[in-house]
Amino acid sequence: MRNILIIGGTKGIGKAIVDLLVNENNVICMSRNSTEFSHNNYSHITFDSIDDEFPDFEKVDTLIYCPGSINLKPISSLSVEDFRKDFEINVIGAVKAIKKYIPLLKKGFNPSILLFSTVATKLGMPYHASVSASKSAIDGIVKTLGAELAPKIRINAIAPTLTKTELASKILRNDKVVENMIERHPLKKILSPEEVAKMSEFLISENASSISGQIINMDAGIVSFKS
């Protein structure tokens, strides 16, 4: 069984990944939120990726960093502190985790790292300046470390469009908004966390052994197609 460390795995996409992987892997989840989830292969550590010291482990085969933010405001309303906070959550936390666990990953079985970007780094979207800036840094990290850590450790990212999670609930606030969002996407849908989890499972598996340094768009066509 592989040893998979998931940071931010109690809600949304992270929780869907845990649910998908826990039956066949040893899963350690680190998050600020407590959880009642229980499984013989699962352990939880209450943890803040910004303020807390990353703990030591004996083995880590895969690192998945899920924390993110959706801080949508016009540039006139975004403060420098907003940019700083989003960068801390999306980028600095991921960098700290990678630096901490690279020595273990180098000794791991089929070692890989999975991060999360956003379609907003590819498509100009109003009110996304802060989140797009920080997630663009994630794109750069993935490409750079893909080259730097080859051939031993693979690193990729998934860039989802709007996904039905608690984090997105303020955007998907009523049926009319949901309908409008669906219509904006050429495939006439928005993502479920379970879809993203399945892509995550593939990218950390041996089936993706030739894939590294890639940002995988799960965009329901909004970036790729003209609607």
Protein backbone atom coordinates (compact mmCIF):
# COMPACT_ATOMS: atom_id res chain seq x y z
CA MET A 1 0.00 0.00 0.00
CA ARG A 2 1.22 3.46 -0.87
CA ASN A 3 1.54 6.18 1.74
CA ILE A 4 -0.38 9.24 0.56
CA LEU A 5 -0.22 12.57 2.37
CA ILE A 6 -3.13 14.88 1.59
CA ILE A 7 -3.05 18.43 2.91
CA GLY A 8 -6.55 19.87 3.02
CA GLY A 9 -8.51 16.65 2.69
CA THR A 10 -11.62 17.14 4.81
CA LYS A 11 -13.76 19.15 2.40
CA GLY A 12 -14.53 19.50 -1.29
CA ILE A 13 -12.05 18.06 -3.76
CA GLY A 14 -9.66 16.96 -1.02
CA LYS A 15 -12.36 14.92 0.73
CA ALA A 16 -13.39 13.33 -2.57
CA ILE A 17 -9.77 12.29 -3.13
CA VAL A 18 -9.60 10.77 0.34
CA ASP A 19 -12.82 8.83 -0.25
CA LEU A 20 -11.48 7.47 -3.54
CA LEU A 21 -8.02 6.48 -2.32
CA VAL A 22 -8.48 5.32 1.25
CA ASN A 23 -9.53 1.72 0.56
CA GLU A 24 -6.26 0.81 -1.14
CA ASN A 25 -3.75 3.24 0.38
CA ASN A 26 -2.54 4.50 3.72
CA VAL A 27 -3.89 8.06 3.76
CA ILE A 28 -2.72 10.77 6.14
CA CYS A 29 -4.88 13.89 6.04
CA MET A 30 -3.63 17.19 7.45
CA SER A 31 -6.15 20.02 7.70
CA ARG A 32 -7.44 22.80 9.92
CA ASN A 33 -10.88 21.22 10.06
CA SER A 34 -11.69 18.31 12.31
CA THR A 35 -13.46 15.33 10.81
CA GLU A 36 -15.60 12.44 11.96
CA PHE A 37 -14.47 10.31 9.03
CA SER A 38 -13.01 6.99 10.13
CA HIS A 39 -11.26 4.20 8.24
CA ASN A 40 -8.56 1.67 9.14
CA ASN A 41 -6.26 3.18 6.49
CA TYR A 42 -6.93 6.80 7.47
CA SER A 43 -5.42 9.16 10.03
CA HIS A 44 -6.03 12.87 10.56
CA ILE A 45 -3.78 15.58 11.94
CA THR A 46 -5.19 19.00 12.79
CA PHE A 47 -2.82 21.35 11.02
CA ASP A 48 -2.52 24.82 9.50
CA SER A 49 -0.16 24.88 6.51
CA ILE A 50 0.65 28.55 7.07
CA ASP A 51 1.30 28.70 10.81
CA ASP A 52 2.28 25.17 11.88
CA GLU A 53 5.50 23.21 11.50
CA PHE A 54 5.15 20.29 9.12
CA PRO A 55 5.44 17.01 11.05
CA ASP A 56 7.90 14.22 10.37
CA PHE A 57 6.81 10.92 8.84
CA GLU A 58 8.60 7.68 8.09
CA LYS A 59 7.31 7.28 4.54
CA VAL A 60 5.59 9.47 1.94
CA ASP A 61 5.02 8.16 -1.59
CA THR A 62 2.62 10.86 -2.80
CA LEU A 63 2.02 14.45 -1.67
CA ILE A 64 -1.26 16.15 -2.58
CA TYR A 65 -1.73 19.81 -1.63
CA CYS A 66 -5.37 20.92 -1.84
CA PRO A 67 -5.78 24.20 0.11
CA GLY A 68 -6.96 27.11 -1.99
CA SER A 69 -9.01 30.28 -2.00
CA ILE A 70 -11.71 31.90 -4.09
CA ASN A 71 -11.30 35.59 -3.33
CA LEU A 72 -13.22 37.32 -6.11
CA LYS A 73 -13.18 41.11 -5.98
CA PRO A 74 -12.55 43.97 -8.40
CA ILE A 75 -8.95 45.17 -8.27
CA SER A 76 -10.10 48.40 -6.60
CA SER A 77 -11.40 46.35 -3.66
CA LEU A 78 -8.46 43.93 -3.39
CA SER A 79 -5.91 44.96 -0.81
CA VAL A 80 -2.24 44.07 -0.84
CA GLU A 81 -3.04 41.89 2.16
CA ASP A 82 -5.61 39.98 0.06
CA PHE A 83 -2.89 39.17 -2.46
CA ARG A 84 -0.47 38.23 0.31
CA LYS A 85 -2.99 35.95 2.04
CA ASP A 86 -3.97 34.16 -1.17
CA PHE A 87 -0.30 33.67 -2.04
CA GLU A 88 0.39 32.23 1.41
CA ILE A 89 -2.46 29.74 1.12
CA ASN A 90 -1.97 28.70 -2.48
CA VAL A 91 1.79 28.92 -2.96
CA ILE A 92 3.83 29.24 0.23
CA GLY A 93 2.00 26.38 1.94
CA ALA A 94 2.65 24.15 -1.07
CA VAL A 95 6.31 25.15 -1.25
CA LYS A 96 6.80 24.42 2.45
CA ALA A 97 5.22 20.99 2.06
CA ILE A 98 7.31 20.13 -1.00
CA LYS A 99 10.56 21.22 0.63
CA LYS A 100 9.74 19.27 3.80
CA TYR A 101 8.85 15.99 2.13
CA ILE A 102 11.15 15.83 -0.92
CA PRO A 103 13.69 13.65 0.97
CA LEU A 104 10.97 11.10 1.77
CA LEU A 105 9.47 11.27 -1.71
CA LYS A 106 12.86 10.51 -3.26
CA LYS A 107 12.83 7.21 -1.36
CA GLY A 108 9.15 6.54 -2.06
CA PHE A 109 7.37 4.11 -4.36
CA ASN A 110 6.34 5.74 -7.66
CA PRO A 111 6.71 9.15 -5.97
CA SER A 112 4.61 12.06 -7.16
CA ILE A 113 3.30 15.48 -6.16
CA LEU A 114 -0.10 16.85 -7.12
CA LEU A 115 -1.06 20.52 -6.81
CA PHE A 116 -4.11 22.52 -7.88
CA SER A 117 -4.31 25.47 -10.26
CA THR A 118 -7.36 27.10 -11.88
CA VAL A 119 -8.73 27.80 -15.35
CA ALA A 120 -8.45 31.50 -14.43
CA THR A 121 -4.70 31.37 -15.18
CA LYS A 122 -5.54 30.59 -18.84
CA LEU A 123 -8.70 32.65 -19.35
CA GLY A 124 -9.00 36.33 -18.51
CA MET A 125 -11.80 36.46 -15.94
CA PRO A 126 -12.92 39.63 -14.13
CA TYR A 127 -12.41 39.77 -10.35
CA HIS A 128 -9.86 36.91 -10.36
CA ALA A 129 -6.66 39.00 -10.09
CA SER A 130 -5.52 37.66 -6.72
CA VAL A 131 -6.35 33.98 -7.15
CA SER A 132 -5.07 34.01 -10.73
CA ALA A 133 -1.79 35.55 -9.63
CA SER A 134 -1.17 32.92 -6.96
CA LYS A 135 -2.30 29.97 -9.07
CA SER A 136 -0.12 31.17 -11.95
CA ALA A 137 2.78 30.74 -9.54
CA ILE A 138 1.64 27.14 -9.01
CA ASP A 139 1.77 26.61 -12.78
CA GLY A 140 5.35 27.86 -12.81
CA ILE A 141 6.36 25.69 -9.88
CA VAL A 142 4.93 22.57 -11.53
CA LYS A 143 6.81 23.14 -14.78
CA THR A 144 10.08 24.06 -13.07
CA LEU A 145 10.04 21.22 -10.54
CA GLY A 146 8.89 18.78 -13.20
CA ALA A 147 12.27 19.36 -14.85
CA GLU A 148 14.25 19.67 -11.62
CA LEU A 149 12.93 16.54 -9.90
CA ALA A 150 12.97 14.26 -12.96
CA PRO A 151 13.38 11.37 -13.30
CA LYS A 152 12.66 10.37 -9.71
CA ILE A 153 9.64 12.49 -8.68
CA ARG A 154 6.76 13.48 -10.94
CA ILE A 155 4.76 16.65 -10.29
CA ASN A 156 1.54 17.78 -11.96
CA ALA A 157 -1.40 20.05 -11.29
CA ILE A 158 -5.09 20.00 -12.07
CA ALA A 159 -6.74 23.27 -13.15
CA PRO A 160 -10.47 22.81 -12.56
CA THR A 161 -13.22 25.13 -13.62
CA LEU A 162 -15.88 25.98 -11.05
CA THR A 163 -16.57 22.87 -8.96
CA LYS A 164 -19.52 22.06 -6.71
CA THR A 165 -17.81 22.46 -3.35
CA GLU A 166 -18.44 24.34 -0.12
CA LEU A 167 -15.70 26.79 -1.15
CA ALA A 168 -17.69 27.67 -4.28
CA SER A 169 -21.06 27.85 -2.53
CA LYS A 170 -20.99 31.65 -2.34
CA ILE A 171 -20.72 31.76 -6.12
CA LEU A 172 -23.27 29.01 -6.76
CA ARG A 173 -25.72 30.76 -4.44
CA ASN A 174 -28.98 29.94 -6.22
CA ASP A 175 -30.41 27.90 -9.08
CA LYS A 176 -30.31 30.82 -11.52
CA VAL A 177 -26.58 31.34 -10.99
CA VAL A 178 -25.94 27.61 -11.37
CA GLU A 179 -27.91 27.59 -14.64
CA ASN A 180 -25.93 30.58 -15.95
CA MET A 181 -22.63 28.94 -15.03
CA ILE A 182 -23.63 25.73 -16.79
CA GLU A 183 -24.55 27.68 -19.93
CA ARG A 184 -21.15 29.43 -19.94
CA HIS A 185 -19.39 26.07 -20.35
CA PRO A 186 -19.49 24.47 -23.83
CA LEU A 187 -20.00 21.02 -22.30
CA LYS A 188 -22.99 22.48 -20.39
CA LYS A 189 -21.91 21.36 -16.96
CA ILE A 190 -19.83 22.29 -13.95
CA LEU A 191 -17.51 19.87 -12.23
CA SER A 192 -18.17 17.57 -9.32
CA PRO A 193 -15.42 16.90 -6.75
CA GLU A 194 -15.62 13.20 -7.63
CA GLU A 195 -14.59 13.92 -11.25
CA VAL A 196 -11.54 15.83 -10.07
CA ALA A 197 -10.71 13.05 -7.60
CA LYS A 198 -10.68 10.49 -10.42
CA MET A 199 -8.24 12.61 -12.41
CA SER A 200 -6.13 12.95 -9.27
CA GLU A 201 -6.10 9.18 -8.84
CA PHE A 202 -4.86 8.77 -12.41
CA LEU A 203 -2.12 11.39 -12.17
CA ILE A 204 -0.55 9.84 -9.06
CA SER A 205 -0.78 6.30 -10.45
CA GLU A 206 1.73 4.27 -12.44
CA ASN A 207 -0.59 4.71 -15.43
CA ALA A 208 0.64 8.33 -15.56
CA SER A 209 4.33 7.43 -15.28
CA SER A 210 5.15 9.45 -18.42
CA ILE A 211 3.31 12.58 -17.29
CA SER A 212 5.10 15.31 -15.34
CA GLY A 213 5.25 19.09 -15.37
CA GLN A 214 1.71 19.27 -16.76
CA ILE A 215 -1.24 21.49 -15.88
CA ILE A 216 -4.32 19.41 -16.68
CA ASN A 217 -7.33 21.56 -17.55
CA MET A 218 -10.66 20.19 -16.36
CA ASP A 219 -12.56 23.07 -17.89
CA ALA A 220 -15.79 21.66 -19.38
CA GLY A 221 -14.56 23.39 -22.55
CA ILE A 222 -14.57 26.95 -21.21
CA VAL A 223 -10.86 27.49 -21.95
CA SER A 224 -10.49 25.14 -24.91
CA PHE A 225 -13.59 25.92 -26.98
CA LYS A 226 -15.36 28.98 -28.29
CA SER A 227 -18.93 28.75 -27.08
